[in-house]
Amino acid sequence: MTAPKADARIANTGTARELNWLLDDLVQRVASIRKALVLSGDGLPTGVSQDLTREDSEHLAAVASGFHSLAKGVGRHFEAGRVRQTVVELDDAFLFVTAAGDGSCLAVLADADSDVGLVAYEMTLLVKRVGVHLGTAPRTDLPTGG
């Protein structure tokens, strides 16, 4: 007999568990959404949907953080304002990254045949509904240079 697989999700705090639940709900309600996560301003997952392993959630968070950072650079350089959402179209999926609070983002991987308007709308609703929980301060435990 094998032990049940441990939940690899981020669940250290009540807020993380609440985010996990809300992300699971989003994935279940919008059929074309495959995976969803919230990431901190420094690119770490702070809440993830049920079907994401720790490794996959860390990878998706890093990619989403990179895209969001590049988009912010465009906004600054061309004086175009803040980034609201970045959408990447792949052969078989869309990656949506939406600003969600103080430095954090909501990232969603959705099917290629998704109704992109619906996905973006549902993401915006989630951010507005729980924005206070999504804002994350930058980590202060980073090692100093040397």
N, C-alpha and C. Protein backbone atom coordinates (compact mmCIF):
# COMPACT_ATOMS: atom_id res chain seq x y z
N MET A 1 0.85 -1.17 0.00
CA MET A 1 0.00 0.00 0.00
C MET A 1 0.90 1.24 0.00
N THR A 2 0.59 2.19 -0.87
CA THR A 2 1.39 3.42 -0.92
C THR A 2 0.67 4.53 -0.20
N ALA A 3 1.46 5.42 0.34
CA ALA A 3 0.89 6.57 1.05
C ALA A 3 0.25 7.52 0.05
N PRO A 4 -0.82 8.21 0.45
CA PRO A 4 -1.42 9.17 -0.46
C PRO A 4 -0.43 10.27 -0.80
N LYS A 5 -0.53 10.76 -2.04
CA LYS A 5 0.36 11.83 -2.49
C LYS A 5 0.09 13.09 -1.68
N ALA A 6 1.15 13.66 -1.17
CA ALA A 6 1.02 14.89 -0.38
C ALA A 6 0.65 16.05 -1.29
N ASP A 7 -0.13 16.96 -0.78
CA ASP A 7 -0.49 18.16 -1.52
C ASP A 7 0.75 19.05 -1.55
N ALA A 8 1.27 19.27 -2.75
CA ALA A 8 2.51 20.03 -2.90
C ALA A 8 2.27 21.53 -2.97
N ARG A 9 1.04 21.93 -2.76
CA ARG A 9 0.72 23.35 -2.90
C ARG A 9 1.23 24.17 -1.74
N ILE A 10 1.24 25.48 -2.00
CA ILE A 10 1.63 26.44 -0.99
C ILE A 10 0.46 26.53 0.00
N ALA A 11 0.66 26.11 1.23
CA ALA A 11 -0.45 26.14 2.18
C ALA A 11 0.04 26.41 3.59
N ASN A 12 1.01 27.28 3.71
CA ASN A 12 1.59 27.55 5.03
C ASN A 12 0.72 28.45 5.89
N THR A 13 -0.14 29.24 5.27
CA THR A 13 -0.94 30.20 6.01
C THR A 13 -2.40 30.07 5.63
N GLY A 14 -3.24 30.67 6.43
CA GLY A 14 -4.66 30.70 6.10
C GLY A 14 -4.91 31.42 4.80
N THR A 15 -4.15 32.49 4.54
CA THR A 15 -4.32 33.24 3.30
C THR A 15 -3.96 32.37 2.10
N ALA A 16 -2.88 31.59 2.18
CA ALA A 16 -2.49 30.72 1.08
C ALA A 16 -3.56 29.67 0.83
N ARG A 17 -4.11 29.09 1.89
CA ARG A 17 -5.17 28.09 1.72
C ARG A 17 -6.39 28.71 1.08
N GLU A 18 -6.73 29.94 1.47
CA GLU A 18 -7.86 30.64 0.87
C GLU A 18 -7.60 30.91 -0.61
N LEU A 19 -6.39 31.35 -0.94
CA LEU A 19 -6.04 31.59 -2.34
C LEU A 19 -6.11 30.29 -3.14
N ASN A 20 -5.59 29.20 -2.58
CA ASN A 20 -5.66 27.91 -3.26
C ASN A 20 -7.11 27.54 -3.56
N TRP A 21 -7.98 27.73 -2.59
CA TRP A 21 -9.39 27.41 -2.77
C TRP A 21 -10.00 28.28 -3.87
N LEU A 22 -9.71 29.57 -3.87
CA LEU A 22 -10.25 30.48 -4.89
C LEU A 22 -9.72 30.14 -6.28
N LEU A 23 -8.46 29.74 -6.36
CA LEU A 23 -7.89 29.36 -7.65
C LEU A 23 -8.49 28.04 -8.14
N ASP A 24 -8.71 27.09 -7.23
CA ASP A 24 -9.40 25.85 -7.61
C ASP A 24 -10.79 26.16 -8.15
N ASP A 25 -11.49 27.07 -7.49
CA ASP A 25 -12.83 27.46 -7.93
C ASP A 25 -12.79 28.07 -9.33
N LEU A 26 -11.82 28.93 -9.60
CA LEU A 26 -11.68 29.55 -10.92
C LEU A 26 -11.46 28.49 -11.99
N VAL A 27 -10.58 27.54 -11.74
CA VAL A 27 -10.29 26.47 -12.70
C VAL A 27 -11.53 25.61 -12.94
N GLN A 28 -12.30 25.35 -11.90
CA GLN A 28 -13.50 24.52 -12.04
C GLN A 28 -14.63 25.26 -12.75
N ARG A 29 -14.77 26.55 -12.50
CA ARG A 29 -15.87 27.32 -13.09
C ARG A 29 -15.65 27.66 -14.57
N VAL A 30 -14.41 27.91 -14.96
CA VAL A 30 -14.11 28.29 -16.34
C VAL A 30 -13.41 27.10 -16.99
N ALA A 31 -14.17 26.36 -17.78
CA ALA A 31 -13.70 25.07 -18.29
C ALA A 31 -12.39 25.14 -19.07
N SER A 32 -12.13 26.24 -19.74
CA SER A 32 -10.92 26.32 -20.57
C SER A 32 -9.66 26.66 -19.78
N ILE A 33 -9.80 27.01 -18.51
CA ILE A 33 -8.62 27.31 -17.69
C ILE A 33 -8.02 26.01 -17.18
N ARG A 34 -6.75 25.81 -17.50
CA ARG A 34 -6.04 24.59 -17.09
C ARG A 34 -5.42 24.73 -15.70
N LYS A 35 -4.75 25.86 -15.48
CA LYS A 35 -4.00 26.06 -14.24
C LYS A 35 -4.04 27.53 -13.86
N ALA A 36 -3.93 27.81 -12.57
CA ALA A 36 -3.94 29.19 -12.11
C ALA A 36 -3.06 29.31 -10.88
N LEU A 37 -2.40 30.45 -10.76
CA LEU A 37 -1.62 30.71 -9.56
C LEU A 37 -1.49 32.20 -9.31
N VAL A 38 -1.20 32.52 -8.06
CA VAL A 38 -0.87 33.88 -7.66
C VAL A 38 0.62 33.87 -7.34
N LEU A 39 1.33 34.89 -7.82
CA LEU A 39 2.75 34.98 -7.55
C LEU A 39 3.09 36.31 -6.91
N SER A 40 4.11 36.29 -6.09
CA SER A 40 4.56 37.50 -5.40
C SER A 40 5.34 38.38 -6.36
N GLY A 41 5.65 39.58 -5.91
CA GLY A 41 6.41 40.51 -6.73
C GLY A 41 7.80 40.01 -7.08
N ASP A 42 8.32 39.07 -6.30
CA ASP A 42 9.64 38.53 -6.63
C ASP A 42 9.55 37.16 -7.31
N GLY A 43 8.37 36.85 -7.84
CA GLY A 43 8.23 35.68 -8.71
C GLY A 43 8.02 34.35 -8.03
N LEU A 44 7.60 34.35 -6.78
CA LEU A 44 7.36 33.09 -6.07
C LEU A 44 5.86 32.82 -5.97
N PRO A 45 5.44 31.56 -6.14
CA PRO A 45 4.02 31.25 -6.01
C PRO A 45 3.55 31.42 -4.57
N THR A 46 2.41 32.08 -4.40
CA THR A 46 1.84 32.26 -3.06
C THR A 46 0.49 31.57 -2.93
N GLY A 47 -0.06 31.12 -4.03
CA GLY A 47 -1.29 30.35 -4.06
C GLY A 47 -1.37 29.66 -5.40
N VAL A 48 -1.80 28.39 -5.42
CA VAL A 48 -1.81 27.63 -6.67
C VAL A 48 -3.05 26.75 -6.76
N SER A 49 -3.48 26.50 -7.99
CA SER A 49 -4.60 25.59 -8.19
C SER A 49 -4.14 24.15 -7.94
N GLN A 50 -5.10 23.31 -7.69
CA GLN A 50 -4.86 21.95 -7.21
C GLN A 50 -3.98 21.11 -8.14
N ASP A 51 -4.08 21.31 -9.43
CA ASP A 51 -3.39 20.43 -10.37
C ASP A 51 -1.94 20.83 -10.65
N LEU A 52 -1.42 21.82 -9.95
CA LEU A 52 -0.04 22.25 -10.15
C LEU A 52 0.88 21.63 -9.11
N THR A 53 1.94 20.99 -9.57
CA THR A 53 2.96 20.50 -8.64
C THR A 53 3.79 21.69 -8.17
N ARG A 54 4.55 21.49 -7.14
CA ARG A 54 5.42 22.57 -6.66
C ARG A 54 6.39 22.99 -7.76
N GLU A 55 7.00 22.03 -8.43
CA GLU A 55 7.96 22.35 -9.50
C GLU A 55 7.28 23.14 -10.62
N ASP A 56 6.11 22.69 -11.06
CA ASP A 56 5.40 23.40 -12.13
C ASP A 56 4.95 24.78 -11.68
N SER A 57 4.51 24.90 -10.43
CA SER A 57 4.06 26.21 -9.95
C SER A 57 5.23 27.19 -9.87
N GLU A 58 6.39 26.71 -9.45
CA GLU A 58 7.56 27.59 -9.39
C GLU A 58 8.00 28.01 -10.79
N HIS A 59 7.92 27.08 -11.75
CA HIS A 59 8.30 27.40 -13.13
C HIS A 59 7.33 28.40 -13.74
N LEU A 60 6.03 28.14 -13.60
CA LEU A 60 5.03 29.05 -14.16
C LEU A 60 5.11 30.43 -13.51
N ALA A 61 5.34 30.47 -12.22
CA ALA A 61 5.47 31.76 -11.52
C ALA A 61 6.68 32.54 -12.04
N ALA A 62 7.79 31.86 -12.26
CA ALA A 62 8.99 32.54 -12.76
C ALA A 62 8.76 33.08 -14.17
N VAL A 63 8.13 32.30 -15.02
CA VAL A 63 7.83 32.74 -16.39
C VAL A 63 6.88 33.93 -16.36
N ALA A 64 5.81 33.83 -15.58
CA ALA A 64 4.83 34.92 -15.49
C ALA A 64 5.48 36.19 -14.96
N SER A 65 6.34 36.04 -13.97
CA SER A 65 7.05 37.19 -13.41
C SER A 65 7.93 37.86 -14.46
N GLY A 66 8.60 37.05 -15.26
CA GLY A 66 9.45 37.58 -16.32
C GLY A 66 8.66 38.35 -17.35
N PHE A 67 7.55 37.79 -17.81
CA PHE A 67 6.71 38.49 -18.79
C PHE A 67 6.17 39.79 -18.21
N HIS A 68 5.72 39.74 -16.96
CA HIS A 68 5.17 40.94 -16.34
C HIS A 68 6.25 42.02 -16.21
N SER A 69 7.44 41.61 -15.84
CA SER A 69 8.55 42.55 -15.71
C SER A 69 8.91 43.18 -17.06
N LEU A 70 8.96 42.38 -18.11
CA LEU A 70 9.24 42.91 -19.44
C LEU A 70 8.18 43.91 -19.87
N ALA A 71 6.92 43.59 -19.62
CA ALA A 71 5.83 44.50 -19.97
C ALA A 71 5.93 45.80 -19.18
N LYS A 72 6.31 45.72 -17.91
CA LYS A 72 6.50 46.94 -17.11
C LYS A 72 7.60 47.80 -17.70
N GLY A 73 8.65 47.17 -18.21
CA GLY A 73 9.73 47.90 -18.85
C GLY A 73 9.26 48.67 -20.07
N VAL A 74 8.39 48.07 -20.85
CA VAL A 74 7.81 48.76 -22.01
C VAL A 74 7.00 49.96 -21.55
N GLY A 75 6.18 49.76 -20.53
CA GLY A 75 5.36 50.85 -20.00
C GLY A 75 6.19 52.02 -19.52
N ARG A 76 7.28 51.72 -18.82
CA ARG A 76 8.16 52.79 -18.34
C ARG A 76 8.88 53.48 -19.49
N HIS A 77 9.48 52.71 -20.37
CA HIS A 77 10.29 53.27 -21.45
C HIS A 77 9.47 54.16 -22.38
N PHE A 78 8.27 53.72 -22.71
CA PHE A 78 7.44 54.46 -23.65
C PHE A 78 6.37 55.30 -22.97
N GLU A 79 6.51 55.46 -21.65
CA GLU A 79 5.57 56.25 -20.86
C GLU A 79 4.12 55.87 -21.18
N ALA A 80 3.88 54.57 -21.14
CA ALA A 80 2.56 54.03 -21.49
C ALA A 80 1.74 53.64 -20.27
N GLY A 81 2.24 53.86 -19.08
CA GLY A 81 1.48 53.56 -17.87
C GLY A 81 1.77 52.19 -17.31
N ARG A 82 0.95 51.82 -16.33
CA ARG A 82 1.11 50.54 -15.63
C ARG A 82 0.59 49.39 -16.48
N VAL A 83 1.14 48.23 -16.23
CA VAL A 83 0.70 47.01 -16.91
C VAL A 83 -0.53 46.48 -16.20
N ARG A 84 -1.57 46.22 -16.95
CA ARG A 84 -2.77 45.60 -16.40
C ARG A 84 -2.77 44.10 -16.66
N GLN A 85 -2.44 43.75 -17.91
CA GLN A 85 -2.47 42.33 -18.27
C GLN A 85 -1.52 42.07 -19.43
N THR A 86 -0.87 40.92 -19.38
CA THR A 86 -0.03 40.44 -20.47
C THR A 86 -0.64 39.13 -20.95
N VAL A 87 -0.78 38.98 -22.27
CA VAL A 87 -1.33 37.75 -22.83
C VAL A 87 -0.32 37.19 -23.83
N VAL A 88 0.03 35.92 -23.67
CA VAL A 88 0.94 35.25 -24.58
C VAL A 88 0.14 34.16 -25.28
N GLU A 89 0.17 34.18 -26.61
CA GLU A 89 -0.55 33.17 -27.39
C GLU A 89 0.45 32.11 -27.85
N LEU A 90 0.21 30.88 -27.43
CA LEU A 90 1.03 29.74 -27.81
C LEU A 90 0.24 28.88 -28.80
N ASP A 91 0.86 27.88 -29.40
CA ASP A 91 0.14 27.01 -30.32
C ASP A 91 -1.07 26.36 -29.67
N ASP A 92 -0.90 25.88 -28.44
CA ASP A 92 -1.94 25.10 -27.79
C ASP A 92 -2.45 25.71 -26.49
N ALA A 93 -2.14 26.96 -26.23
CA ALA A 93 -2.59 27.57 -24.97
C ALA A 93 -2.41 29.08 -25.01
N PHE A 94 -3.04 29.73 -24.05
CA PHE A 94 -2.81 31.14 -23.76
C PHE A 94 -2.26 31.23 -22.35
N LEU A 95 -1.32 32.15 -22.13
CA LEU A 95 -0.86 32.48 -20.80
C LEU A 95 -1.30 33.91 -20.52
N PHE A 96 -2.09 34.09 -19.48
CA PHE A 96 -2.55 35.41 -19.05
C PHE A 96 -1.82 35.76 -17.75
N VAL A 97 -1.32 36.98 -17.66
CA VAL A 97 -0.71 37.46 -16.42
C VAL A 97 -1.34 38.80 -16.11
N THR A 98 -2.06 38.88 -14.99
CA THR A 98 -2.78 40.08 -14.61
C THR A 98 -2.22 40.64 -13.31
N ALA A 99 -1.95 41.93 -13.30
CA ALA A 99 -1.51 42.60 -12.07
C ALA A 99 -2.59 42.43 -11.02
N ALA A 100 -2.17 42.08 -9.79
CA ALA A 100 -3.15 41.72 -8.77
C ALA A 100 -2.72 42.19 -7.40
N GLY A 101 -2.72 43.46 -7.18
CA GLY A 101 -2.35 43.94 -5.86
C GLY A 101 -0.97 44.53 -5.86
N ASP A 102 -0.43 44.71 -4.71
CA ASP A 102 0.83 45.39 -4.51
C ASP A 102 2.01 44.51 -4.92
N GLY A 103 2.30 44.47 -6.21
CA GLY A 103 3.44 43.71 -6.70
C GLY A 103 3.14 42.28 -7.10
N SER A 104 1.99 41.76 -6.77
CA SER A 104 1.68 40.38 -7.11
C SER A 104 0.94 40.30 -8.44
N CYS A 105 0.83 39.08 -8.95
CA CYS A 105 0.13 38.83 -10.22
C CYS A 105 -0.70 37.57 -10.10
N LEU A 106 -1.72 37.49 -10.93
CA LEU A 106 -2.51 36.28 -11.12
C LEU A 106 -2.14 35.75 -12.49
N ALA A 107 -1.69 34.51 -12.57
CA ALA A 107 -1.32 33.89 -13.84
C ALA A 107 -2.26 32.73 -14.12
N VAL A 108 -2.70 32.63 -15.38
CA VAL A 108 -3.61 31.58 -15.79
C VAL A 108 -3.12 30.98 -17.10
N LEU A 109 -3.09 29.66 -17.17
CA LEU A 109 -2.81 28.95 -18.41
C LEU A 109 -4.14 28.38 -18.88
N ALA A 110 -4.54 28.75 -20.12
CA ALA A 110 -5.85 28.36 -20.64
C ALA A 110 -5.70 27.73 -22.02
N ASP A 111 -6.70 26.96 -22.41
CA ASP A 111 -6.71 26.30 -23.72
C ASP A 111 -6.64 27.31 -24.86
N ALA A 112 -6.12 26.87 -26.00
CA ALA A 112 -5.98 27.74 -27.17
C ALA A 112 -7.33 28.19 -27.72
N ASP A 113 -8.36 27.40 -27.50
CA ASP A 113 -9.69 27.77 -28.01
C ASP A 113 -10.53 28.50 -26.96
N SER A 114 -9.87 29.04 -25.96
CA SER A 114 -10.56 29.77 -24.89
C SER A 114 -11.23 31.02 -25.42
N ASP A 115 -12.29 31.41 -24.75
CA ASP A 115 -12.87 32.73 -24.95
C ASP A 115 -12.00 33.68 -24.13
N VAL A 116 -11.06 34.36 -24.80
CA VAL A 116 -10.09 35.17 -24.07
C VAL A 116 -10.76 36.29 -23.29
N GLY A 117 -11.85 36.81 -23.81
CA GLY A 117 -12.59 37.85 -23.09
C GLY A 117 -13.15 37.32 -21.78
N LEU A 118 -13.69 36.11 -21.81
CA LEU A 118 -14.24 35.50 -20.60
C LEU A 118 -13.14 35.23 -19.58
N VAL A 119 -12.02 34.68 -20.03
CA VAL A 119 -10.92 34.39 -19.12
C VAL A 119 -10.42 35.68 -18.47
N ALA A 120 -10.19 36.71 -19.28
CA ALA A 120 -9.72 37.99 -18.74
C ALA A 120 -10.74 38.58 -17.77
N TYR A 121 -12.02 38.48 -18.09
CA TYR A 121 -13.08 38.99 -17.22
C TYR A 121 -13.08 38.26 -15.88
N GLU A 122 -13.02 36.94 -15.92
CA GLU A 122 -13.03 36.15 -14.68
C GLU A 122 -11.80 36.45 -13.83
N MET A 123 -10.66 36.65 -14.48
CA MET A 123 -9.45 37.00 -13.74
C MET A 123 -9.60 38.36 -13.07
N THR A 124 -10.16 39.32 -13.79
CA THR A 124 -10.37 40.66 -13.23
C THR A 124 -11.32 40.60 -12.04
N LEU A 125 -12.40 39.81 -12.16
CA LEU A 125 -13.33 39.66 -11.04
C LEU A 125 -12.63 39.09 -9.81
N LEU A 126 -11.81 38.07 -10.02
CA LEU A 126 -11.10 37.45 -8.90
C LEU A 126 -10.15 38.45 -8.24
N VAL A 127 -9.42 39.20 -9.05
CA VAL A 127 -8.49 40.19 -8.50
C VAL A 127 -9.24 41.25 -7.70
N LYS A 128 -10.35 41.73 -8.23
CA LYS A 128 -11.12 42.75 -7.52
C LYS A 128 -11.73 42.19 -6.24
N ARG A 129 -12.14 40.94 -6.29
CA ARG A 129 -12.80 40.32 -5.14
C ARG A 129 -11.85 40.08 -3.98
N VAL A 130 -10.65 39.70 -4.28
CA VAL A 130 -9.72 39.33 -3.21
C VAL A 130 -8.41 40.10 -3.30
N GLY A 131 -8.43 41.27 -3.90
CA GLY A 131 -7.21 42.04 -4.09
C GLY A 131 -6.43 42.29 -2.82
N VAL A 132 -7.11 42.49 -1.71
CA VAL A 132 -6.42 42.76 -0.45
C VAL A 132 -5.53 41.58 -0.05
N HIS A 133 -5.95 40.37 -0.39
CA HIS A 133 -5.16 39.18 -0.06
C HIS A 133 -4.04 38.94 -1.06
N LEU A 134 -4.17 39.54 -2.26
CA LEU A 134 -3.19 39.28 -3.31
C LEU A 134 -1.97 40.17 -3.21
N GLY A 135 -2.10 41.32 -2.59
CA GLY A 135 -0.96 42.22 -2.46
C GLY A 135 0.09 41.60 -1.56
N THR A 136 1.31 41.52 -2.06
CA THR A 136 2.38 40.92 -1.27
C THR A 136 3.57 41.85 -1.24
N ALA A 137 4.17 41.95 -0.10
CA ALA A 137 5.37 42.77 0.03
C ALA A 137 6.57 41.99 -0.50
N PRO A 138 7.58 42.68 -1.01
CA PRO A 138 8.80 41.99 -1.45
C PRO A 138 9.45 41.27 -0.28
N ARG A 139 10.15 40.18 -0.57
CA ARG A 139 10.83 39.43 0.48
C ARG A 139 11.93 40.29 1.07
N THR A 140 12.12 40.15 2.37
CA THR A 140 13.19 40.88 3.05
C THR A 140 14.30 39.94 3.50
N ASP A 141 14.14 38.65 3.27
CA ASP A 141 15.14 37.68 3.72
C ASP A 141 16.14 37.33 2.62
N LEU A 142 16.24 38.18 1.59
CA LEU A 142 17.18 37.91 0.52
C LEU A 142 18.61 38.16 1.00
N PRO A 143 19.55 37.32 0.57
CA PRO A 143 20.93 37.54 0.98
C PRO A 143 21.48 38.82 0.37
N THR A 144 22.36 39.46 1.09
CA THR A 144 22.99 40.67 0.56
C THR A 144 24.13 40.28 -0.35
N GLY A 145 24.44 41.15 -1.31
CA GLY A 145 25.50 40.87 -2.28
C GLY A 145 26.86 40.72 -1.62
N GLY A 146 27.77 40.09 -2.37
CA GLY A 146 29.07 39.95 -1.75
C GLY A 146 29.96 39.02 -2.42
